[in-house]
Amino acid sequence: MEEASPAAGEEAAKARVQQLQEQQRLQQQMQLRAQEAAAVPPAPPAPPPVPTSPPIPPGWQAAPDADPFGGALGGPFQLQVWDNFRIAFKQYMVQLAGEALQQSNQEARWLRSWGSFQVCVSFLTNSCRRGLRCTDRHPPRSQWGRLRRELKRKACAMGEHCCLPQCAYFHPREGEEDQSGQIELPSCPEPATG
């Protein structure tokens, strides 16, 4: 091991002394600042603001014509501007309401043309195959009896040639029941096979 040179040791000692002196100087500065801050009295609290106008009651309904800005924006001219604005706004709303009613009538007409309000006869006989695509109304089961009675008042378009066992319309042969209570249906023609 080599011994450290005396010059290197002296330089290290000088650097250490300078570092200590710098720390002492910074500590003295901090103490002076703390003493100065303690010597200056704190600023007094600000006085409360002086009201320039009477307070407005809460809510616009309490004072609908009260000036929300405390009279800072003007006088009679400002009131005239607000009156004109209110009149124009009411006219606009009345016009807009009329247009909305016209549009709702058009939409209602479009919806009526989309689906009929007629009852699906196939649904009443449990044979509707269109499901959600059906344009006719599918009533709840509690209304079926009443609707079937109403349909029996109408004559079947096929007349005597109808061979559907569950036809919902009236047939003249239905009055001709035999003693057993059975209705005799005509036989349907066989489909032609090709």
N, C-alpha and C. Protein backbone atom coordinates (compact mmCIF):
# COMPACT_ATOMS: atom_id res chain seq x y z
N MET A 1 0.82 -1.16 0.00
CA MET A 1 0.00 0.00 0.00
C MET A 1 0.86 1.23 0.00
N GLU A 2 0.49 2.13 -0.77
CA GLU A 2 1.24 3.38 -0.82
C GLU A 2 0.61 4.37 0.12
N GLU A 3 1.43 5.20 0.72
CA GLU A 3 0.92 6.22 1.61
C GLU A 3 0.41 7.38 0.79
N ALA A 4 -0.61 8.05 1.31
CA ALA A 4 -1.18 9.20 0.61
C ALA A 4 -0.21 10.35 0.69
N SER A 5 -0.09 11.08 -0.37
CA SER A 5 0.84 12.21 -0.39
C SER A 5 0.32 13.31 0.51
N PRO A 6 1.26 14.05 1.14
CA PRO A 6 0.82 15.11 2.03
C PRO A 6 0.08 16.20 1.29
N ALA A 7 0.32 16.44 0.03
CA ALA A 7 -0.37 17.49 -0.72
C ALA A 7 -1.83 17.12 -0.94
N ALA A 8 -2.11 15.85 -1.21
CA ALA A 8 -3.49 15.41 -1.45
C ALA A 8 -4.29 15.52 -0.17
N GLY A 9 -3.69 15.23 0.95
CA GLY A 9 -4.38 15.31 2.23
C GLY A 9 -4.72 16.75 2.57
N GLU A 10 -3.78 17.65 2.25
CA GLU A 10 -4.03 19.06 2.53
C GLU A 10 -5.18 19.59 1.67
N GLU A 11 -5.24 19.16 0.42
CA GLU A 11 -6.32 19.62 -0.48
C GLU A 11 -7.67 19.10 0.01
N ALA A 12 -7.70 17.85 0.46
CA ALA A 12 -8.95 17.28 0.96
C ALA A 12 -9.39 18.02 2.21
N ALA A 13 -8.44 18.38 3.08
CA ALA A 13 -8.77 19.10 4.30
C ALA A 13 -9.30 20.48 3.97
N LYS A 14 -8.67 21.16 2.99
CA LYS A 14 -9.14 22.49 2.58
C LYS A 14 -10.57 22.41 2.02
N ALA A 15 -10.84 21.38 1.21
CA ALA A 15 -12.19 21.22 0.62
C ALA A 15 -13.22 20.99 1.71
N ARG A 16 -12.83 20.20 2.70
CA ARG A 16 -13.74 19.93 3.81
C ARG A 16 -14.00 21.18 4.62
N VAL A 17 -12.99 22.00 4.85
CA VAL A 17 -13.14 23.25 5.59
C VAL A 17 -14.06 24.20 4.82
N GLN A 18 -13.87 24.28 3.52
CA GLN A 18 -14.72 25.16 2.70
C GLN A 18 -16.19 24.70 2.75
N GLN A 19 -16.38 23.41 2.73
CA GLN A 19 -17.74 22.86 2.79
C GLN A 19 -18.40 23.21 4.13
N LEU A 20 -17.67 23.09 5.20
CA LEU A 20 -18.21 23.42 6.52
C LEU A 20 -18.52 24.91 6.63
N GLN A 21 -17.62 25.75 6.08
CA GLN A 21 -17.85 27.19 6.11
C GLN A 21 -19.12 27.56 5.32
N GLU A 22 -19.34 26.91 4.19
CA GLU A 22 -20.54 27.17 3.36
C GLU A 22 -21.80 26.77 4.13
N GLN A 23 -21.76 25.65 4.81
CA GLN A 23 -22.91 25.21 5.60
C GLN A 23 -23.21 26.21 6.72
N GLN A 24 -22.17 26.71 7.39
CA GLN A 24 -22.37 27.69 8.47
C GLN A 24 -22.98 28.98 7.92
N ARG A 25 -22.50 29.41 6.77
CA ARG A 25 -23.03 30.63 6.15
C ARG A 25 -24.51 30.47 5.81
N LEU A 26 -24.91 29.31 5.25
CA LEU A 26 -26.32 29.06 4.90
C LEU A 26 -27.20 29.00 6.15
N GLN A 27 -26.67 28.40 7.23
CA GLN A 27 -27.43 28.35 8.47
C GLN A 27 -27.66 29.75 9.04
N GLN A 28 -26.65 30.60 8.96
CA GLN A 28 -26.80 31.97 9.45
C GLN A 28 -27.85 32.73 8.63
N GLN A 29 -27.84 32.53 7.30
CA GLN A 29 -28.83 33.20 6.45
C GLN A 29 -30.25 32.74 6.81
N MET A 30 -30.43 31.46 7.06
CA MET A 30 -31.75 30.93 7.41
C MET A 30 -32.22 31.50 8.75
N GLN A 31 -31.29 31.64 9.70
CA GLN A 31 -31.66 32.20 11.00
C GLN A 31 -32.07 33.66 10.86
N LEU A 32 -31.35 34.42 10.01
CA LEU A 32 -31.70 35.83 9.79
C LEU A 32 -33.10 35.95 9.17
N ARG A 33 -33.39 35.12 8.21
CA ARG A 33 -34.71 35.17 7.56
C ARG A 33 -35.81 34.82 8.56
N ALA A 34 -35.57 33.83 9.40
CA ALA A 34 -36.57 33.45 10.40
C ALA A 34 -36.81 34.60 11.38
N GLN A 35 -35.74 35.32 11.77
CA GLN A 35 -35.88 36.45 12.69
C GLN A 35 -36.64 37.59 12.02
N GLU A 36 -36.37 37.85 10.74
CA GLU A 36 -37.07 38.91 10.02
C GLU A 36 -38.56 38.58 9.89
N ALA A 37 -38.87 37.31 9.60
CA ALA A 37 -40.28 36.92 9.46
C ALA A 37 -41.01 37.05 10.78
N ALA A 38 -40.32 36.76 11.88
CA ALA A 38 -40.95 36.87 13.20
C ALA A 38 -41.13 38.33 13.59
N ALA A 39 -40.25 39.21 13.10
CA ALA A 39 -40.32 40.62 13.47
C ALA A 39 -41.46 41.34 12.75
N VAL A 40 -41.83 40.91 11.54
CA VAL A 40 -42.89 41.56 10.76
C VAL A 40 -44.24 41.04 11.26
N PRO A 41 -45.13 41.93 11.69
CA PRO A 41 -46.44 41.47 12.16
C PRO A 41 -47.26 40.93 10.97
N PRO A 42 -48.10 39.92 11.20
CA PRO A 42 -48.92 39.39 10.10
C PRO A 42 -49.92 40.43 9.63
N ALA A 43 -50.28 40.34 8.37
CA ALA A 43 -51.23 41.29 7.77
C ALA A 43 -52.60 41.07 8.40
N PRO A 44 -53.33 42.15 8.68
CA PRO A 44 -54.67 41.99 9.27
C PRO A 44 -55.61 41.36 8.24
N PRO A 45 -56.64 40.64 8.69
CA PRO A 45 -57.58 40.03 7.75
C PRO A 45 -58.33 41.10 6.98
N ALA A 46 -58.70 40.76 5.76
CA ALA A 46 -59.41 41.71 4.90
C ALA A 46 -60.80 41.95 5.47
N PRO A 47 -61.29 43.18 5.38
CA PRO A 47 -62.64 43.48 5.89
C PRO A 47 -63.67 42.81 4.99
N PRO A 48 -64.86 42.51 5.50
CA PRO A 48 -65.89 41.89 4.67
C PRO A 48 -66.32 42.85 3.57
N PRO A 49 -66.71 42.31 2.41
CA PRO A 49 -67.13 43.19 1.31
C PRO A 49 -68.40 43.95 1.67
N VAL A 50 -68.47 45.16 1.20
CA VAL A 50 -69.62 46.02 1.45
C VAL A 50 -70.66 45.72 0.37
N PRO A 51 -71.88 45.37 0.75
CA PRO A 51 -72.89 45.09 -0.27
C PRO A 51 -73.24 46.36 -1.03
N THR A 52 -73.35 46.23 -2.36
CA THR A 52 -73.67 47.39 -3.20
C THR A 52 -75.14 47.46 -3.53
N SER A 53 -75.86 46.33 -3.42
CA SER A 53 -77.29 46.33 -3.72
C SER A 53 -77.97 45.40 -2.73
N PRO A 54 -79.27 45.54 -2.55
CA PRO A 54 -79.96 44.65 -1.62
C PRO A 54 -79.87 43.21 -2.13
N PRO A 55 -79.82 42.25 -1.23
CA PRO A 55 -79.71 40.85 -1.67
C PRO A 55 -80.99 40.42 -2.39
N ILE A 56 -80.81 39.55 -3.39
CA ILE A 56 -81.93 39.03 -4.17
C ILE A 56 -82.41 37.75 -3.50
N PRO A 57 -83.71 37.59 -3.29
CA PRO A 57 -84.20 36.36 -2.68
C PRO A 57 -83.82 35.15 -3.54
N PRO A 58 -83.62 34.00 -2.92
CA PRO A 58 -83.23 32.82 -3.70
C PRO A 58 -84.35 32.38 -4.62
N GLY A 59 -83.98 31.91 -5.79
CA GLY A 59 -84.95 31.39 -6.75
C GLY A 59 -85.49 32.46 -7.66
N TRP A 60 -85.64 32.11 -8.92
CA TRP A 60 -86.13 33.09 -9.89
C TRP A 60 -87.61 33.36 -9.71
N GLN A 61 -88.34 32.45 -9.07
CA GLN A 61 -89.76 32.68 -8.87
C GLN A 61 -90.02 33.70 -7.78
N ALA A 62 -89.07 33.86 -6.84
CA ALA A 62 -89.27 34.83 -5.77
C ALA A 62 -89.27 36.25 -6.32
N ALA A 63 -88.42 36.53 -7.29
CA ALA A 63 -88.36 37.86 -7.90
C ALA A 63 -88.05 37.69 -9.39
N PRO A 64 -89.08 37.41 -10.22
CA PRO A 64 -88.80 37.14 -11.63
C PRO A 64 -88.23 38.33 -12.38
N ASP A 65 -88.53 39.55 -11.95
CA ASP A 65 -88.01 40.71 -12.67
C ASP A 65 -86.78 41.30 -12.00
N ALA A 66 -86.23 40.64 -11.00
CA ALA A 66 -85.04 41.17 -10.31
C ALA A 66 -83.84 41.07 -11.23
N ASP A 67 -82.98 42.02 -11.12
CA ASP A 67 -81.76 42.05 -11.93
C ASP A 67 -80.71 41.16 -11.28
N PRO A 68 -80.31 40.07 -11.92
CA PRO A 68 -79.35 39.17 -11.30
C PRO A 68 -77.96 39.77 -11.19
N PHE A 69 -77.71 40.86 -11.90
CA PHE A 69 -76.38 41.47 -11.87
C PHE A 69 -76.31 42.69 -10.96
N GLY A 70 -77.33 42.95 -10.19
CA GLY A 70 -77.32 44.05 -9.24
C GLY A 70 -77.31 45.42 -9.88
N GLY A 71 -77.90 45.58 -11.03
CA GLY A 71 -77.97 46.88 -11.68
C GLY A 71 -76.70 47.28 -12.39
N ALA A 72 -75.77 46.36 -12.58
CA ALA A 72 -74.49 46.71 -13.17
C ALA A 72 -74.55 46.81 -14.69
N LEU A 73 -75.63 46.30 -15.32
CA LEU A 73 -75.66 46.27 -16.78
C LEU A 73 -76.50 47.37 -17.40
N GLY A 74 -77.18 48.15 -16.65
CA GLY A 74 -77.96 49.23 -17.26
C GLY A 74 -79.29 49.40 -16.58
N GLY A 75 -80.13 50.20 -17.20
CA GLY A 75 -81.40 50.52 -16.59
C GLY A 75 -82.56 50.16 -17.49
N PRO A 76 -83.32 51.17 -17.95
CA PRO A 76 -84.52 50.91 -18.74
C PRO A 76 -84.22 50.21 -20.06
N PHE A 77 -83.06 50.52 -20.63
CA PHE A 77 -82.70 49.86 -21.89
C PHE A 77 -82.59 48.36 -21.70
N GLN A 78 -81.98 47.96 -20.60
CA GLN A 78 -81.82 46.54 -20.31
C GLN A 78 -83.18 45.87 -20.14
N LEU A 79 -84.10 46.51 -19.45
CA LEU A 79 -85.43 45.94 -19.27
C LEU A 79 -86.14 45.78 -20.61
N GLN A 80 -85.99 46.75 -21.50
CA GLN A 80 -86.61 46.67 -22.82
C GLN A 80 -86.03 45.50 -23.61
N VAL A 81 -84.72 45.30 -23.52
CA VAL A 81 -84.08 44.18 -24.24
C VAL A 81 -84.63 42.85 -23.73
N TRP A 82 -84.75 42.72 -22.40
CA TRP A 82 -85.26 41.46 -21.85
C TRP A 82 -86.72 41.25 -22.23
N ASP A 83 -87.53 42.30 -22.25
CA ASP A 83 -88.92 42.16 -22.65
C ASP A 83 -89.03 41.70 -24.10
N ASN A 84 -88.22 42.30 -24.97
CA ASN A 84 -88.21 41.88 -26.38
C ASN A 84 -87.78 40.43 -26.51
N PHE A 85 -86.80 40.03 -25.72
CA PHE A 85 -86.32 38.65 -25.78
C PHE A 85 -87.43 37.68 -25.35
N ARG A 86 -88.14 38.02 -24.28
CA ARG A 86 -89.21 37.14 -23.80
C ARG A 86 -90.30 36.99 -24.86
N ILE A 87 -90.67 38.08 -25.50
CA ILE A 87 -91.72 38.03 -26.52
C ILE A 87 -91.27 37.17 -27.69
N ALA A 88 -90.04 37.38 -28.15
CA ALA A 88 -89.53 36.59 -29.28
C ALA A 88 -89.43 35.11 -28.90
N PHE A 89 -89.03 34.82 -27.69
CA PHE A 89 -88.88 33.43 -27.26
C PHE A 89 -90.24 32.74 -27.20
N LYS A 90 -91.27 33.44 -26.70
CA LYS A 90 -92.61 32.85 -26.66
C LYS A 90 -93.12 32.56 -28.06
N GLN A 91 -92.89 33.50 -29.00
CA GLN A 91 -93.33 33.27 -30.38
C GLN A 91 -92.61 32.06 -30.98
N TYR A 92 -91.32 31.95 -30.70
CA TYR A 92 -90.54 30.83 -31.21
C TYR A 92 -91.06 29.50 -30.65
N MET A 93 -91.36 29.47 -29.36
CA MET A 93 -91.83 28.24 -28.74
C MET A 93 -93.20 27.83 -29.28
N VAL A 94 -94.08 28.80 -29.51
CA VAL A 94 -95.40 28.50 -30.07
C VAL A 94 -95.25 27.93 -31.47
N GLN A 95 -94.37 28.53 -32.27
CA GLN A 95 -94.14 28.04 -33.63
C GLN A 95 -93.53 26.65 -33.59
N LEU A 96 -92.58 26.42 -32.70
CA LEU A 96 -91.92 25.13 -32.59
C LEU A 96 -92.91 24.05 -32.15
N ALA A 97 -93.81 24.39 -31.24
CA ALA A 97 -94.80 23.43 -30.77
C ALA A 97 -95.74 23.03 -31.91
N GLY A 98 -96.12 24.00 -32.74
CA GLY A 98 -96.97 23.69 -33.89
C GLY A 98 -96.29 22.75 -34.87
N GLU A 99 -95.01 23.01 -35.14
CA GLU A 99 -94.27 22.13 -36.04
C GLU A 99 -94.12 20.73 -35.45
N ALA A 100 -93.90 20.64 -34.15
CA ALA A 100 -93.76 19.33 -33.50
C ALA A 100 -95.06 18.54 -33.60
N LEU A 101 -96.21 19.23 -33.46
CA LEU A 101 -97.49 18.54 -33.59
C LEU A 101 -97.69 18.02 -35.01
N GLN A 102 -97.31 18.82 -36.02
CA GLN A 102 -97.45 18.38 -37.40
C GLN A 102 -96.58 17.16 -37.66
N GLN A 103 -95.35 17.18 -37.14
CA GLN A 103 -94.46 16.04 -37.34
C GLN A 103 -95.00 14.80 -36.64
N SER A 104 -95.57 14.96 -35.46
CA SER A 104 -96.10 13.79 -34.75
C SER A 104 -97.28 13.20 -35.51
N ASN A 105 -98.11 14.05 -36.15
CA ASN A 105 -99.21 13.53 -36.95
C ASN A 105 -98.69 12.75 -38.15
N GLN A 106 -97.63 13.26 -38.78
CA GLN A 106 -97.05 12.55 -39.92
C GLN A 106 -96.48 11.21 -39.48
N GLU A 107 -95.81 11.20 -38.32
CA GLU A 107 -95.26 9.94 -37.82
C GLU A 107 -96.37 8.95 -37.49
N ALA A 108 -97.46 9.45 -36.91
CA ALA A 108 -98.57 8.56 -36.58
C ALA A 108 -99.18 7.98 -37.86
N ARG A 109 -99.31 8.80 -38.91
CA ARG A 109 -99.83 8.29 -40.18
C ARG A 109 -98.91 7.22 -40.75
N TRP A 110 -97.60 7.45 -40.65
CA TRP A 110 -96.64 6.48 -41.17
C TRP A 110 -96.74 5.17 -40.39
N LEU A 111 -96.89 5.26 -39.08
CA LEU A 111 -96.99 4.04 -38.28
C LEU A 111 -98.29 3.30 -38.58
N ARG A 112 -99.36 4.04 -38.83
CA ARG A 112 -100.61 3.37 -39.17
C ARG A 112 -100.50 2.65 -40.49
N SER A 113 -99.77 3.23 -41.44
CA SER A 113 -99.63 2.56 -42.73
C SER A 113 -98.70 1.36 -42.63
N TRP A 114 -97.83 1.34 -41.63
CA TRP A 114 -96.89 0.22 -41.49
C TRP A 114 -97.62 -1.04 -41.07
N GLY A 115 -98.51 -0.93 -40.12
CA GLY A 115 -99.22 -2.10 -39.64
C GLY A 115 -100.69 -1.79 -39.56
N SER A 116 -101.51 -2.78 -39.89
CA SER A 116 -102.94 -2.53 -39.81
C SER A 116 -103.41 -2.77 -38.38
N PHE A 117 -104.57 -2.26 -38.09
CA PHE A 117 -105.13 -2.48 -36.77
C PHE A 117 -106.16 -3.61 -36.82
N GLN A 118 -106.14 -4.37 -37.91
CA GLN A 118 -107.03 -5.51 -38.02
C GLN A 118 -106.44 -6.68 -37.25
N VAL A 119 -107.30 -7.53 -36.78
CA VAL A 119 -106.86 -8.71 -36.03
C VAL A 119 -106.44 -9.79 -37.02
N CYS A 120 -105.35 -10.46 -36.71
CA CYS A 120 -104.87 -11.55 -37.55
C CYS A 120 -105.76 -12.77 -37.31
N VAL A 121 -106.53 -13.14 -38.34
CA VAL A 121 -107.46 -14.27 -38.21
C VAL A 121 -106.68 -15.57 -38.06
N SER A 122 -105.56 -15.68 -38.73
CA SER A 122 -104.74 -16.89 -38.60
C SER A 122 -104.24 -17.04 -37.17
N PHE A 123 -103.95 -15.94 -36.52
CA PHE A 123 -103.48 -16.01 -35.13
C PHE A 123 -104.59 -16.51 -34.21
N LEU A 124 -105.85 -16.10 -34.50
CA LEU A 124 -106.97 -16.55 -33.68
C LEU A 124 -107.23 -18.04 -33.84
N THR A 125 -106.80 -18.62 -34.95
CA THR A 125 -106.98 -20.06 -35.16
C THR A 125 -105.68 -20.82 -34.92
N ASN A 126 -104.72 -20.18 -34.28
CA ASN A 126 -103.42 -20.79 -33.95
C ASN A 126 -102.66 -21.26 -35.18
N SER A 127 -102.76 -20.53 -36.28
CA SER A 127 -102.06 -20.97 -37.48
C SER A 127 -101.27 -19.84 -38.16
N CYS A 128 -100.99 -18.75 -37.47
CA CYS A 128 -100.21 -17.65 -38.06
C CYS A 128 -98.74 -18.05 -38.08
N ARG A 129 -98.16 -18.04 -39.26
CA ARG A 129 -96.76 -18.43 -39.40
C ARG A 129 -95.83 -17.24 -39.61
N ARG A 130 -96.40 -16.05 -39.65
CA ARG A 130 -95.56 -14.87 -39.90
C ARG A 130 -94.92 -14.32 -38.63
N GLY A 131 -95.50 -14.58 -37.48
CA GLY A 131 -94.92 -14.16 -36.20
C GLY A 131 -94.75 -12.65 -36.11
N LEU A 132 -93.54 -12.19 -35.82
CA LEU A 132 -93.29 -10.75 -35.67
C LEU A 132 -93.37 -10.00 -36.99
N ARG A 133 -93.28 -10.72 -38.11
CA ARG A 133 -93.37 -10.06 -39.41
C ARG A 133 -94.81 -9.79 -39.82
N CYS A 134 -95.76 -10.31 -39.06
CA CYS A 134 -97.17 -10.15 -39.38
C CYS A 134 -97.57 -8.69 -39.22
N THR A 135 -98.27 -8.15 -40.22
CA THR A 135 -98.67 -6.74 -40.17
C THR A 135 -99.98 -6.56 -39.42
N ASP A 136 -100.70 -7.65 -39.16
CA ASP A 136 -101.96 -7.55 -38.43
C ASP A 136 -101.70 -7.68 -36.93
N ARG A 137 -102.70 -7.30 -36.17
CA ARG A 137 -102.56 -7.27 -34.72
C ARG A 137 -102.77 -8.66 -34.13
N HIS A 138 -101.90 -9.03 -33.19
CA HIS A 138 -102.04 -10.30 -32.46
C HIS A 138 -102.51 -9.98 -31.05
N PRO A 139 -103.81 -10.14 -30.78
CA PRO A 139 -104.35 -9.75 -29.47
C PRO A 139 -103.97 -10.77 -28.39
N PRO A 140 -104.09 -10.38 -27.12
CA PRO A 140 -103.85 -11.35 -26.05
C PRO A 140 -104.94 -12.42 -26.01
N ARG A 141 -104.62 -13.55 -25.44
CA ARG A 141 -105.53 -14.70 -25.43
C ARG A 141 -106.85 -14.38 -24.72
N SER A 142 -106.84 -13.45 -23.80
CA SER A 142 -108.07 -13.11 -23.07
C SER A 142 -109.11 -12.47 -23.98
N GLN A 143 -108.72 -11.94 -25.14
CA GLN A 143 -109.65 -11.28 -26.06
C GLN A 143 -110.10 -12.20 -27.19
N TRP A 144 -109.58 -13.41 -27.25
CA TRP A 144 -109.88 -14.28 -28.38
C TRP A 144 -111.37 -14.62 -28.46
N GLY A 145 -112.00 -14.94 -27.35
CA GLY A 145 -113.42 -15.32 -27.38
C GLY A 145 -114.29 -14.22 -27.96
N ARG A 146 -114.09 -13.00 -27.50
CA ARG A 146 -114.88 -11.87 -27.99
C ARG A 146 -114.62 -11.64 -29.48
N LEU A 147 -113.36 -11.72 -29.89
CA LEU A 147 -113.03 -11.47 -31.29
C LEU A 147 -113.57 -12.58 -32.19
N ARG A 148 -113.56 -13.83 -31.73
CA ARG A 148 -114.11 -14.93 -32.54
C ARG A 148 -115.62 -14.76 -32.71
N ARG A 149 -116.30 -14.31 -31.65
CA ARG A 149 -117.75 -14.08 -31.77
C ARG A 149 -118.03 -12.96 -32.77
N GLU A 150 -117.20 -11.91 -32.77
CA GLU A 150 -117.39 -10.83 -33.74
C GLU A 150 -117.15 -11.31 -35.17
N LEU A 151 -116.16 -12.18 -35.35
CA LEU A 151 -115.87 -12.68 -36.70
C LEU A 151 -116.98 -13.62 -37.18
N LYS A 152 -117.64 -14.32 -36.29
CA LYS A 152 -118.71 -15.23 -36.69
C LYS A 152 -119.92 -14.46 -37.23
N ARG A 153 -119.98 -13.16 -36.99
CA ARG A 153 -121.06 -12.35 -37.54
C ARG A 153 -120.84 -12.06 -39.02
N LYS A 154 -119.61 -12.21 -39.47
CA LYS A 154 -119.29 -11.93 -40.88
C LYS A 154 -119.31 -13.24 -41.67
N ALA A 155 -119.83 -13.17 -42.87
CA ALA A 155 -119.90 -14.37 -43.71
C ALA A 155 -118.53 -14.68 -44.30
N CYS A 156 -118.24 -15.95 -44.44
CA CYS A 156 -116.97 -16.38 -45.02
C CYS A 156 -116.96 -16.05 -46.51
N ALA A 157 -115.85 -15.58 -47.01
CA ALA A 157 -115.74 -15.21 -48.42
C ALA A 157 -115.81 -16.44 -49.32
N MET A 158 -115.42 -17.61 -48.81
CA MET A 158 -115.44 -18.83 -49.62
C MET A 158 -116.85 -19.44 -49.67
N GLY A 159 -117.68 -19.03 -48.73
CA GLY A 159 -119.06 -19.53 -48.71
C GLY A 159 -119.12 -21.02 -48.46
N GLU A 160 -119.91 -21.74 -49.27
CA GLU A 160 -120.09 -23.19 -49.11
C GLU A 160 -118.84 -23.96 -49.50
N HIS A 161 -117.94 -23.34 -50.21
CA HIS A 161 -116.75 -24.05 -50.68
C HIS A 161 -115.61 -24.05 -49.67
N CYS A 162 -115.79 -23.41 -48.53
CA CYS A 162 -114.74 -23.34 -47.50
C CYS A 162 -114.59 -24.72 -46.86
N CYS A 163 -113.38 -25.21 -46.82
CA CYS A 163 -113.15 -26.52 -46.22
C CYS A 163 -112.19 -26.46 -45.04
N LEU A 164 -112.02 -25.28 -44.47
CA LEU A 164 -111.13 -25.15 -43.31
C LEU A 164 -111.90 -25.56 -42.05
N PRO A 165 -111.38 -26.50 -41.28
CA PRO A 165 -112.12 -26.93 -40.09
C PRO A 165 -112.18 -25.86 -39.01
N GLN A 166 -111.24 -24.94 -38.96
CA GLN A 166 -111.23 -23.91 -37.91
C GLN A 166 -111.47 -22.52 -38.49
N CYS A 167 -112.26 -22.41 -39.51
CA CYS A 167 -112.52 -21.11 -40.12
C CYS A 167 -113.26 -20.23 -39.11
N ALA A 168 -112.80 -18.99 -38.97
CA ALA A 168 -113.33 -18.10 -37.94
C ALA A 168 -114.59 -17.36 -38.40
N TYR A 169 -114.97 -17.47 -39.69
CA TYR A 169 -116.13 -16.74 -40.20
C TYR A 169 -117.38 -17.62 -40.19
N PHE A 170 -118.53 -16.97 -40.41
CA PHE A 170 -119.81 -17.67 -40.40
C PHE A 170 -120.02 -18.39 -41.73
N HIS A 171 -120.59 -19.62 -41.64
CA HIS A 171 -120.95 -20.40 -42.82
C HIS A 171 -122.43 -20.73 -42.71
N PRO A 172 -123.15 -20.70 -43.82
CA PRO A 172 -124.59 -21.00 -43.76
C PRO A 172 -124.87 -22.40 -43.23
N ARG A 173 -123.98 -23.33 -43.44
CA ARG A 173 -124.20 -24.71 -43.01
C ARG A 173 -124.13 -24.86 -41.49
N GLU A 174 -123.60 -23.85 -40.79
CA GLU A 174 -123.47 -23.96 -39.34
C GLU A 174 -124.82 -23.97 -38.66
N GLY A 175 -125.83 -23.47 -39.31
CA GLY A 175 -127.18 -23.53 -38.75
C GLY A 175 -127.80 -24.90 -38.93
N GLU A 176 -127.22 -25.73 -39.78
CA GLU A 176 -127.77 -27.05 -40.10
C GLU A 176 -127.01 -28.14 -39.34
N GLU A 177 -127.02 -28.07 -38.05
CA GLU A 177 -126.34 -29.09 -37.27
C GLU A 177 -127.27 -30.29 -37.13
N ASP A 178 -126.70 -31.46 -37.13
CA ASP A 178 -127.53 -32.64 -36.89
C ASP A 178 -127.71 -32.82 -35.39
N GLN A 179 -128.36 -33.86 -34.98
CA GLN A 179 -128.68 -34.04 -33.58
C GLN A 179 -127.44 -34.29 -32.72
N SER A 180 -126.36 -34.74 -33.31
CA SER A 180 -125.15 -35.02 -32.51
C SER A 180 -124.36 -33.74 -32.23
N GLY A 181 -124.72 -32.63 -32.86
CA GLY A 181 -124.02 -31.37 -32.64
C GLY A 181 -122.81 -31.22 -33.56
N GLN A 182 -122.64 -32.13 -34.48
CA GLN A 182 -121.51 -32.08 -35.41
C GLN A 182 -121.94 -31.37 -36.68
N ILE A 183 -121.01 -30.65 -37.26
CA ILE A 183 -121.25 -29.97 -38.53
C ILE A 183 -120.59 -30.80 -39.61
N GLU A 184 -121.32 -31.02 -40.67
CA GLU A 184 -120.77 -31.81 -41.76
C GLU A 184 -120.05 -30.86 -42.72
N LEU A 185 -118.76 -31.08 -42.88
CA LEU A 185 -117.95 -30.24 -43.75
C LEU A 185 -117.83 -30.88 -45.12
N PRO A 186 -117.83 -30.05 -46.17
CA PRO A 186 -117.60 -30.63 -47.49
C PRO A 186 -116.15 -31.09 -47.60
N SER A 187 -115.94 -32.05 -48.44
CA SER A 187 -114.57 -32.54 -48.61
C SER A 187 -113.80 -31.57 -49.49
N CYS A 188 -112.55 -31.37 -49.14
CA CYS A 188 -111.71 -30.46 -49.90
C CYS A 188 -111.13 -31.21 -51.09
N PRO A 189 -110.95 -30.49 -52.19
CA PRO A 189 -110.34 -31.16 -53.34
C PRO A 189 -108.89 -31.52 -53.03
N GLU A 190 -108.47 -32.63 -53.56
CA GLU A 190 -107.08 -33.08 -53.36
C GLU A 190 -106.16 -32.20 -54.20
N PRO A 191 -105.00 -31.85 -53.64
CA PRO A 191 -104.07 -31.04 -54.44
C PRO A 191 -103.51 -31.85 -55.59
N ALA A 192 -103.35 -31.19 -56.69
CA ALA A 192 -102.81 -31.85 -57.89
C ALA A 192 -101.32 -32.05 -57.72
N THR A 193 -100.88 -33.25 -57.95
CA THR A 193 -99.43 -33.53 -57.88
C THR A 193 -98.92 -33.60 -59.29
N GLY A 194 -97.82 -33.00 -59.48
CA GLY A 194 -97.36 -32.87 -60.84
C GLY A 194 -96.14 -33.56 -61.07
